[in-house]
């Protein structure tokens, strides 16, 4: 009746006169049908896992999610330009420093992903029952345990796992 705007039936159902019903309907029209959009937006944000765990012939295998890893490399044009400048003059120092910095960034990023993978593998080793049996297989595990096993500082482990997600078999 409300969708069809059948006032007679609505007046009977809610036991009000037409004027009061029109006021009620005006109040309903003023309401926001999606009030949560005012807070968090209209689109849900998905989570992209950093690590993937899968069962392979009864073994748990941990891998990096390739889709989140940036594909960084040094532009061949600039590398070639640097070597050309280096051969022709001694004025290639600044460009060489920038290329060296770029290589370091790429290497450090790779090291960060290597650390994440090592930590993920250690967690999966310690919590293998959880990944196979579910919640009842979960055991206490401290950052300290992983740090000692991998010979890293606890703060390194903490930074490596902060805001990270693992997608695992259900």
N, C-alpha and C. Protein backbone atom coordinates (compact mmCIF):
# COMPACT_ATOMS: atom_id res chain seq x y z
N UNK A 1 0.83 -1.20 0.00
CA UNK A 1 0.00 0.00 0.00
C UNK A 1 0.87 1.27 0.00
N UNK A 2 1.98 1.19 0.72
CA UNK A 2 2.87 2.34 0.79
C UNK A 2 3.51 2.58 -0.58
N UNK A 3 3.98 1.53 -1.23
CA UNK A 3 4.61 1.68 -2.55
C UNK A 3 3.60 2.14 -3.60
N UNK A 4 2.37 1.68 -3.48
CA UNK A 4 1.34 2.07 -4.46
C UNK A 4 0.66 3.38 -4.08
N UNK A 5 1.06 3.94 -2.94
CA UNK A 5 0.50 5.19 -2.45
C UNK A 5 -1.01 5.09 -2.27
N UNK A 6 -1.44 3.95 -1.71
CA UNK A 6 -2.86 3.69 -1.45
C UNK A 6 -3.21 4.31 -0.10
N UNK A 7 -3.64 5.59 -0.14
CA UNK A 7 -3.87 6.34 1.09
C UNK A 7 -5.00 5.77 1.94
N UNK A 8 -6.08 5.32 1.31
CA UNK A 8 -7.22 4.80 2.08
C UNK A 8 -6.81 3.63 2.97
N UNK A 9 -6.13 2.66 2.39
CA UNK A 9 -5.70 1.50 3.18
C UNK A 9 -4.69 1.90 4.25
N UNK A 10 -3.77 2.79 3.89
CA UNK A 10 -2.77 3.23 4.86
C UNK A 10 -3.42 3.96 6.03
N UNK A 11 -4.42 4.83 5.75
CA UNK A 11 -5.12 5.54 6.83
C UNK A 11 -5.81 4.54 7.76
N UNK A 12 -6.37 3.49 7.19
CA UNK A 12 -7.05 2.47 7.99
C UNK A 12 -6.04 1.68 8.83
N UNK A 13 -4.90 1.30 8.20
CA UNK A 13 -3.90 0.48 8.89
C UNK A 13 -3.28 1.22 10.07
N UNK A 14 -2.88 2.47 9.86
CA UNK A 14 -2.21 3.21 10.93
C UNK A 14 -3.18 4.05 11.77
N UNK A 15 -4.47 4.04 11.40
CA UNK A 15 -5.55 4.68 12.15
C UNK A 15 -5.29 6.18 12.35
N UNK A 16 -5.07 6.88 11.21
CA UNK A 16 -4.90 8.33 11.23
C UNK A 16 -5.71 8.94 10.09
N UNK A 17 -5.92 10.27 10.17
CA UNK A 17 -6.63 10.94 9.07
C UNK A 17 -5.66 11.25 7.95
N UNK A 18 -6.18 11.73 6.82
CA UNK A 18 -5.37 11.94 5.62
C UNK A 18 -4.27 12.97 5.84
N UNK A 19 -4.59 14.04 6.54
CA UNK A 19 -3.60 15.09 6.78
C UNK A 19 -2.41 14.54 7.58
N UNK A 20 -2.69 13.80 8.63
CA UNK A 20 -1.62 13.21 9.45
C UNK A 20 -0.81 12.20 8.64
N UNK A 21 -1.48 11.39 7.81
CA UNK A 21 -0.79 10.41 6.98
C UNK A 21 0.15 11.11 6.00
N UNK A 22 -0.30 12.22 5.40
CA UNK A 22 0.57 12.94 4.46
C UNK A 22 1.82 13.49 5.18
N UNK A 23 1.67 13.92 6.43
CA UNK A 23 2.81 14.38 7.21
C UNK A 23 3.78 13.22 7.49
N UNK A 24 3.23 12.07 7.81
CA UNK A 24 4.05 10.88 8.06
C UNK A 24 4.81 10.50 6.79
N UNK A 25 4.13 10.49 5.66
CA UNK A 25 4.78 10.14 4.39
C UNK A 25 5.85 11.15 4.01
N UNK A 26 5.61 12.43 4.28
CA UNK A 26 6.63 13.46 4.01
C UNK A 26 7.86 13.20 4.88
N UNK A 27 7.64 12.83 6.13
CA UNK A 27 8.76 12.50 7.01
C UNK A 27 9.52 11.29 6.51
N UNK A 28 8.82 10.27 6.03
CA UNK A 28 9.48 9.08 5.48
C UNK A 28 10.32 9.44 4.26
N UNK A 29 9.76 10.31 3.38
CA UNK A 29 10.49 10.70 2.18
C UNK A 29 11.78 11.46 2.51
N UNK A 30 11.81 12.13 3.64
CA UNK A 30 12.98 12.92 4.01
C UNK A 30 14.12 12.05 4.56
N UNK A 31 13.82 10.80 4.90
CA UNK A 31 14.85 9.92 5.47
C UNK A 31 15.81 9.42 4.40
N UNK A 32 17.05 9.17 4.81
CA UNK A 32 18.07 8.63 3.91
C UNK A 32 17.99 7.10 3.95
N UNK A 33 17.71 6.45 2.82
CA UNK A 33 17.60 4.98 2.83
C UNK A 33 18.95 4.28 3.03
N UNK A 34 20.04 5.02 2.90
CA UNK A 34 21.39 4.45 3.08
C UNK A 34 22.21 5.35 4.00
N UNK A 35 21.87 5.40 5.28
CA UNK A 35 22.56 6.32 6.19
C UNK A 35 24.04 5.98 6.38
N UNK A 36 24.41 4.74 6.22
CA UNK A 36 25.81 4.34 6.38
C UNK A 36 26.72 4.97 5.35
N UNK A 37 26.18 5.35 4.20
CA UNK A 37 27.00 5.98 3.15
C UNK A 37 27.59 7.31 3.61
N UNK A 38 26.94 7.96 4.57
CA UNK A 38 27.45 9.22 5.09
C UNK A 38 28.76 9.01 5.85
N UNK A 39 28.96 7.82 6.35
CA UNK A 39 30.15 7.52 7.16
C UNK A 39 31.24 6.88 6.32
N UNK A 40 30.91 5.79 5.64
CA UNK A 40 31.94 5.00 5.01
C UNK A 40 31.91 4.95 3.50
N UNK A 41 31.11 5.72 2.86
CA UNK A 41 31.04 5.65 1.40
C UNK A 41 30.13 4.54 0.95
N UNK A 42 29.91 4.47 -0.33
CA UNK A 42 28.93 3.53 -0.84
C UNK A 42 29.55 2.22 -1.32
N UNK A 43 30.87 2.20 -1.52
CA UNK A 43 31.50 0.98 -2.02
C UNK A 43 32.32 0.31 -0.93
N UNK A 44 32.11 -0.97 -0.77
CA UNK A 44 32.90 -1.73 0.20
C UNK A 44 34.30 -1.95 -0.36
N UNK A 45 35.27 -1.83 0.52
CA UNK A 45 36.65 -2.04 0.12
C UNK A 45 37.04 -3.48 0.44
N UNK A 46 37.54 -4.17 -0.55
CA UNK A 46 38.00 -5.53 -0.33
C UNK A 46 39.41 -5.53 0.23
N UNK A 47 39.80 -6.64 0.77
CA UNK A 47 41.16 -6.79 1.30
C UNK A 47 41.94 -7.64 0.33
N UNK A 48 43.09 -7.17 -0.04
CA UNK A 48 43.99 -7.91 -0.93
C UNK A 48 45.02 -8.61 -0.05
N UNK A 49 45.02 -9.94 -0.02
CA UNK A 49 45.98 -10.63 0.86
C UNK A 49 47.41 -10.45 0.38
N UNK A 50 48.32 -10.40 1.33
CA UNK A 50 49.75 -10.26 1.03
C UNK A 50 50.39 -11.62 0.77
N UNK A 51 49.90 -12.62 1.50
CA UNK A 51 50.41 -13.98 1.36
C UNK A 51 49.26 -14.93 1.05
N UNK A 52 49.59 -15.98 0.32
CA UNK A 52 48.61 -16.99 -0.03
C UNK A 52 49.08 -18.33 0.53
N UNK A 53 48.18 -19.06 1.16
CA UNK A 53 48.50 -20.39 1.67
C UNK A 53 47.59 -21.37 0.96
N UNK A 54 48.19 -22.44 0.45
CA UNK A 54 47.39 -23.46 -0.22
C UNK A 54 47.89 -24.83 0.18
N UNK A 55 46.98 -25.80 0.11
CA UNK A 55 47.35 -27.19 0.36
C UNK A 55 47.80 -27.80 -0.95
N UNK A 56 48.99 -28.37 -0.96
CA UNK A 56 49.53 -28.99 -2.16
C UNK A 56 50.05 -30.38 -1.77
N UNK A 57 49.32 -31.41 -2.17
CA UNK A 57 49.67 -32.80 -1.81
C UNK A 57 49.83 -32.95 -0.29
N UNK A 58 48.90 -32.37 0.46
CA UNK A 58 48.91 -32.50 1.91
C UNK A 58 49.87 -31.57 2.61
N UNK A 59 50.63 -30.76 1.87
CA UNK A 59 51.57 -29.81 2.46
C UNK A 59 51.02 -28.40 2.33
N UNK A 60 51.28 -27.60 3.34
CA UNK A 60 50.90 -26.19 3.28
C UNK A 60 52.01 -25.42 2.58
N UNK A 61 51.65 -24.70 1.53
CA UNK A 61 52.64 -23.93 0.76
C UNK A 61 52.27 -22.45 0.87
N UNK A 62 53.26 -21.64 1.24
CA UNK A 62 53.08 -20.19 1.39
C UNK A 62 53.74 -19.50 0.22
N UNK A 63 53.04 -18.53 -0.36
CA UNK A 63 53.63 -17.75 -1.45
C UNK A 63 53.18 -16.30 -1.34
N UNK A 64 53.96 -15.42 -1.94
CA UNK A 64 53.61 -14.01 -1.99
C UNK A 64 52.51 -13.81 -3.02
N UNK A 65 51.62 -12.91 -2.75
CA UNK A 65 50.58 -12.55 -3.72
C UNK A 65 51.22 -11.63 -4.76
N UNK A 66 51.49 -12.18 -5.91
CA UNK A 66 52.20 -11.44 -6.97
C UNK A 66 51.45 -10.17 -7.38
N UNK A 67 50.13 -10.16 -7.23
CA UNK A 67 49.36 -9.01 -7.70
C UNK A 67 49.60 -7.76 -6.85
N UNK A 68 50.12 -7.91 -5.64
CA UNK A 68 50.37 -6.72 -4.82
C UNK A 68 51.82 -6.26 -4.88
N UNK A 69 52.66 -7.07 -5.51
CA UNK A 69 54.08 -6.73 -5.57
C UNK A 69 54.34 -5.76 -6.72
N UNK A 70 54.94 -4.62 -6.41
CA UNK A 70 55.24 -3.68 -7.51
C UNK A 70 56.32 -4.24 -8.43
N UNK A 71 56.17 -3.99 -9.68
CA UNK A 71 57.16 -4.44 -10.67
C UNK A 71 58.07 -3.25 -10.99
N UNK A 72 59.13 -3.14 -10.22
CA UNK A 72 60.05 -2.01 -10.39
C UNK A 72 61.31 -2.45 -11.12
N UNK A 73 61.75 -1.59 -12.00
CA UNK A 73 63.02 -1.82 -12.67
C UNK A 73 63.54 -0.47 -13.14
N UNK A 74 64.80 -0.43 -13.43
CA UNK A 74 65.41 0.82 -13.90
C UNK A 74 65.20 0.91 -15.41
N UNK A 75 64.75 2.05 -15.84
CA UNK A 75 64.49 2.27 -17.25
C UNK A 75 65.79 2.07 -18.05
N UNK A 76 65.77 1.17 -19.03
CA UNK A 76 66.99 0.90 -19.82
C UNK A 76 67.55 2.15 -20.50
N UNK A 77 66.69 3.09 -20.86
CA UNK A 77 67.13 4.32 -21.50
C UNK A 77 68.09 5.08 -20.58
N UNK A 78 67.72 5.22 -19.29
CA UNK A 78 68.55 5.97 -18.36
C UNK A 78 69.83 5.20 -18.01
N UNK A 79 69.73 3.89 -17.94
CA UNK A 79 70.93 3.08 -17.68
C UNK A 79 71.92 3.27 -18.83
N UNK A 80 71.43 3.19 -20.06
CA UNK A 80 72.30 3.36 -21.24
C UNK A 80 72.86 4.78 -21.28
N UNK A 81 72.03 5.77 -20.96
CA UNK A 81 72.48 7.16 -20.95
C UNK A 81 73.60 7.36 -19.92
N UNK A 82 73.44 6.75 -18.76
CA UNK A 82 74.47 6.85 -17.73
C UNK A 82 75.80 6.28 -18.22
N UNK A 83 75.76 5.08 -18.79
CA UNK A 83 77.01 4.47 -19.26
C UNK A 83 77.63 5.28 -20.40
N UNK A 84 76.79 5.88 -21.23
CA UNK A 84 77.30 6.73 -22.31
C UNK A 84 77.98 7.97 -21.73
N UNK A 85 77.31 8.61 -20.77
CA UNK A 85 77.90 9.79 -20.13
C UNK A 85 79.19 9.44 -19.39
N UNK A 86 79.21 8.29 -18.77
CA UNK A 86 80.38 7.86 -18.02
C UNK A 86 81.59 7.66 -18.95
N UNK A 87 81.33 7.13 -20.14
CA UNK A 87 82.42 6.93 -21.11
C UNK A 87 82.91 8.25 -21.68
N UNK A 88 81.96 9.15 -21.93
CA UNK A 88 82.31 10.39 -22.63
C UNK A 88 82.82 11.50 -21.72
N UNK A 89 82.41 11.49 -20.46
CA UNK A 89 82.86 12.55 -19.56
C UNK A 89 82.81 12.06 -18.12
N UNK A 90 83.36 12.85 -17.26
CA UNK A 90 83.32 12.49 -15.84
C UNK A 90 82.13 13.16 -15.15
N UNK A 91 81.20 13.68 -15.91
CA UNK A 91 80.06 14.42 -15.38
C UNK A 91 78.84 13.54 -15.11
N UNK A 92 79.05 12.26 -14.97
CA UNK A 92 77.94 11.34 -14.76
C UNK A 92 77.74 11.00 -13.29
N UNK A 93 78.42 11.69 -12.40
CA UNK A 93 78.38 11.37 -10.97
C UNK A 93 76.97 11.43 -10.39
N UNK A 94 76.27 12.54 -10.63
CA UNK A 94 74.94 12.70 -10.05
C UNK A 94 73.99 11.63 -10.59
N UNK A 95 74.07 11.36 -11.88
CA UNK A 95 73.19 10.35 -12.46
C UNK A 95 73.53 8.97 -11.89
N UNK A 96 74.78 8.70 -11.69
CA UNK A 96 75.21 7.43 -11.10
C UNK A 96 74.68 7.27 -9.69
N UNK A 97 74.68 8.37 -8.92
CA UNK A 97 74.15 8.33 -7.56
C UNK A 97 72.66 8.01 -7.57
N UNK A 98 71.94 8.63 -8.50
CA UNK A 98 70.49 8.39 -8.58
C UNK A 98 70.20 6.95 -9.00
N UNK A 99 70.96 6.43 -9.93
CA UNK A 99 70.78 5.03 -10.33
C UNK A 99 71.09 4.09 -9.18
N UNK A 100 72.11 4.42 -8.42
CA UNK A 100 72.47 3.61 -7.25
C UNK A 100 71.34 3.64 -6.21
N UNK A 101 70.77 4.82 -5.99
CA UNK A 101 69.64 4.95 -5.07
C UNK A 101 68.45 4.12 -5.54
N UNK A 102 68.19 4.17 -6.84
CA UNK A 102 67.08 3.40 -7.40
C UNK A 102 67.30 1.90 -7.20
N UNK A 103 68.53 1.44 -7.43
CA UNK A 103 68.86 0.02 -7.22
C UNK A 103 68.65 -0.37 -5.75
N UNK A 104 69.04 0.54 -4.84
CA UNK A 104 68.86 0.26 -3.41
C UNK A 104 67.39 0.17 -3.03
N UNK A 105 66.56 1.05 -3.58
CA UNK A 105 65.13 1.00 -3.30
C UNK A 105 64.55 -0.34 -3.78
N UNK A 106 64.92 -0.74 -4.98
CA UNK A 106 64.43 -2.00 -5.53
C UNK A 106 64.91 -3.17 -4.69
N UNK A 107 66.17 -3.15 -4.29
CA UNK A 107 66.73 -4.23 -3.47
C UNK A 107 66.05 -4.27 -2.09
N UNK A 108 65.84 -3.10 -1.47
CA UNK A 108 65.20 -3.04 -0.15
C UNK A 108 63.76 -3.52 -0.20
N UNK A 109 63.08 -3.17 -1.27
CA UNK A 109 61.71 -3.64 -1.43
C UNK A 109 61.67 -5.16 -1.57
N UNK A 110 62.60 -5.69 -2.34
CA UNK A 110 62.70 -7.15 -2.48
C UNK A 110 63.00 -7.80 -1.15
N UNK A 111 63.86 -7.18 -0.35
CA UNK A 111 64.21 -7.69 0.97
C UNK A 111 62.98 -7.68 1.89
N UNK A 112 62.18 -6.64 1.77
CA UNK A 112 60.96 -6.55 2.58
C UNK A 112 60.01 -7.70 2.26
N UNK A 113 59.84 -8.00 0.98
CA UNK A 113 58.97 -9.10 0.59
C UNK A 113 59.56 -10.45 0.99
N UNK A 114 60.89 -10.58 0.92
CA UNK A 114 61.54 -11.82 1.38
C UNK A 114 61.29 -12.04 2.87
N UNK A 115 61.41 -10.96 3.65
CA UNK A 115 61.17 -11.05 5.09
C UNK A 115 59.72 -11.44 5.36
N UNK A 116 58.78 -10.82 4.65
CA UNK A 116 57.37 -11.15 4.82
C UNK A 116 57.12 -12.63 4.52
N UNK A 117 57.72 -13.13 3.45
CA UNK A 117 57.53 -14.53 3.09
C UNK A 117 58.12 -15.45 4.17
N UNK A 118 59.31 -15.14 4.67
CA UNK A 118 59.92 -15.95 5.73
C UNK A 118 59.05 -15.97 6.98
N UNK A 119 58.52 -14.80 7.35
CA UNK A 119 57.66 -14.71 8.53
C UNK A 119 56.38 -15.52 8.29
N UNK A 120 55.80 -15.37 7.12
CA UNK A 120 54.59 -16.12 6.79
C UNK A 120 54.82 -17.62 6.84
N UNK A 121 55.94 -18.08 6.31
CA UNK A 121 56.26 -19.51 6.34
C UNK A 121 56.43 -20.00 7.78
N UNK A 122 57.07 -19.18 8.62
CA UNK A 122 57.26 -19.56 10.02
C UNK A 122 55.92 -19.63 10.75
N UNK A 123 55.07 -18.67 10.51
CA UNK A 123 53.74 -18.67 11.15
C UNK A 123 52.96 -19.91 10.72
N UNK A 124 52.99 -20.20 9.44
CA UNK A 124 52.25 -21.37 8.94
C UNK A 124 52.83 -22.66 9.52
N UNK A 125 54.15 -22.74 9.67
CA UNK A 125 54.76 -23.92 10.30
C UNK A 125 54.27 -24.09 11.73
N UNK A 126 54.27 -22.98 12.48
CA UNK A 126 53.85 -23.04 13.89
C UNK A 126 52.35 -23.28 14.03
N UNK A 127 51.59 -22.79 13.09
CA UNK A 127 50.13 -22.88 13.19
C UNK A 127 49.53 -23.84 12.15
N UNK A 128 50.28 -24.83 11.74
CA UNK A 128 49.80 -25.74 10.69
C UNK A 128 48.48 -26.40 11.06
N UNK A 129 48.30 -26.74 12.35
CA UNK A 129 47.03 -27.35 12.76
C UNK A 129 45.86 -26.40 12.52
N UNK A 130 46.08 -25.11 12.75
CA UNK A 130 45.02 -24.13 12.50
C UNK A 130 44.64 -24.10 11.01
N UNK A 131 45.64 -24.12 10.14
CA UNK A 131 45.37 -24.02 8.71
C UNK A 131 44.69 -25.29 8.18
N UNK A 132 44.83 -26.39 8.89
CA UNK A 132 44.20 -27.64 8.45
C UNK A 132 42.89 -27.89 9.18
N UNK A 133 42.88 -27.71 10.51
CA UNK A 133 41.71 -28.05 11.33
C UNK A 133 40.77 -26.88 11.60
N UNK A 134 41.27 -25.68 11.44
CA UNK A 134 40.46 -24.51 11.77
C UNK A 134 40.77 -24.01 13.16
N UNK A 135 39.83 -23.29 13.74
CA UNK A 135 40.04 -22.58 14.99
C UNK A 135 40.53 -23.46 16.14
N UNK A 136 40.07 -24.70 16.19
CA UNK A 136 40.46 -25.56 17.31
C UNK A 136 41.95 -25.93 17.27
N UNK A 137 42.60 -25.74 16.12
CA UNK A 137 44.02 -26.05 16.01
C UNK A 137 44.93 -24.88 16.32
N UNK A 138 44.35 -23.73 16.66
CA UNK A 138 45.13 -22.52 16.93
C UNK A 138 45.90 -22.66 18.24
N UNK A 139 47.19 -22.30 18.21
CA UNK A 139 48.05 -22.38 19.39
C UNK A 139 48.61 -20.99 19.68
N UNK A 140 48.97 -20.72 20.93
CA UNK A 140 49.59 -19.42 21.25
C UNK A 140 50.91 -19.28 20.48
N UNK A 141 51.12 -18.09 19.95
CA UNK A 141 52.36 -17.81 19.21
C UNK A 141 52.73 -16.35 19.44
N UNK A 142 53.97 -16.13 19.83
CA UNK A 142 54.44 -14.77 20.12
C UNK A 142 55.38 -14.29 19.01
N UNK A 143 55.44 -12.97 18.86
CA UNK A 143 56.41 -12.38 17.94
C UNK A 143 57.82 -12.86 18.28
N UNK A 144 58.06 -12.97 19.57
CA UNK A 144 59.37 -13.39 20.07
C UNK A 144 59.76 -14.77 19.51
N UNK A 145 58.79 -15.68 19.45
CA UNK A 145 59.06 -17.03 18.94
C UNK A 145 59.51 -16.99 17.48
N UNK A 146 58.80 -16.21 16.67
CA UNK A 146 59.14 -16.09 15.25
C UNK A 146 60.48 -15.37 15.10
N UNK A 147 60.69 -14.32 15.90
CA UNK A 147 61.93 -13.54 15.82
C UNK A 147 63.14 -14.42 16.16
N UNK A 148 63.01 -15.23 17.19
CA UNK A 148 64.12 -16.12 17.57
C UNK A 148 64.40 -17.14 16.48
N UNK A 149 63.34 -17.73 15.94
CA UNK A 149 63.52 -18.74 14.90
C UNK A 149 64.21 -18.17 13.66
N UNK A 150 63.79 -16.97 13.25
CA UNK A 150 64.33 -16.37 12.03
C UNK A 150 65.58 -15.52 12.29
N UNK A 151 65.93 -15.36 13.57
CA UNK A 151 67.07 -14.53 13.96
C UNK A 151 66.90 -13.08 13.50
N UNK A 152 65.69 -12.56 13.73
CA UNK A 152 65.36 -11.17 13.47
C UNK A 152 65.01 -10.51 14.79
N UNK A 153 65.00 -9.20 14.80
CA UNK A 153 64.53 -8.45 15.95
C UNK A 153 63.01 -8.52 15.98
N UNK A 154 62.43 -8.52 17.19
CA UNK A 154 60.97 -8.55 17.31
C UNK A 154 60.32 -7.39 16.58
N UNK A 155 60.96 -6.22 16.60
CA UNK A 155 60.37 -5.05 15.93
C UNK A 155 60.32 -5.26 14.42
N UNK A 156 61.29 -5.99 13.88
CA UNK A 156 61.28 -6.30 12.44
C UNK A 156 60.08 -7.18 12.12
N UNK A 157 59.83 -8.18 12.96
CA UNK A 157 58.69 -9.07 12.75
C UNK A 157 57.39 -8.28 12.88
N UNK A 158 57.32 -7.40 13.88
CA UNK A 158 56.13 -6.60 14.10
C UNK A 158 55.82 -5.72 12.88
N UNK A 159 56.85 -5.06 12.34
CA UNK A 159 56.66 -4.21 11.16
C UNK A 159 56.29 -5.05 9.94
N UNK A 160 56.87 -6.24 9.85
CA UNK A 160 56.63 -7.09 8.68
C UNK A 160 55.17 -7.55 8.62
N UNK A 161 54.54 -7.78 9.79
CA UNK A 161 53.18 -8.32 9.78
C UNK A 161 52.10 -7.25 9.98
N UNK A 162 52.49 -6.03 10.33
CA UNK A 162 51.50 -4.98 10.57
C UNK A 162 50.67 -4.72 9.33
N UNK A 163 49.36 -4.86 9.46
CA UNK A 163 48.45 -4.59 8.35
C UNK A 163 48.51 -5.60 7.22
N UNK A 164 49.04 -6.78 7.49
CA UNK A 164 49.17 -7.80 6.44
C UNK A 164 48.09 -8.86 6.62
N UNK A 165 47.76 -9.51 5.52
CA UNK A 165 46.71 -10.53 5.52
C UNK A 165 47.21 -11.77 4.79
N UNK A 166 46.73 -12.93 5.27
CA UNK A 166 47.02 -14.21 4.63
C UNK A 166 45.70 -14.80 4.16
N UNK A 167 45.65 -15.20 2.92
CA UNK A 167 44.47 -15.92 2.42
C UNK A 167 44.80 -17.41 2.51
N UNK A 168 43.96 -18.16 3.18
CA UNK A 168 44.25 -19.57 3.39
C UNK A 168 43.05 -20.42 3.00
N UNK A 169 43.28 -21.73 2.83
CA UNK A 169 42.17 -22.61 2.49
C UNK A 169 41.13 -22.61 3.60
N UNK A 170 39.88 -22.74 3.22
CA UNK A 170 38.83 -22.70 4.24
C UNK A 170 38.59 -24.04 4.87
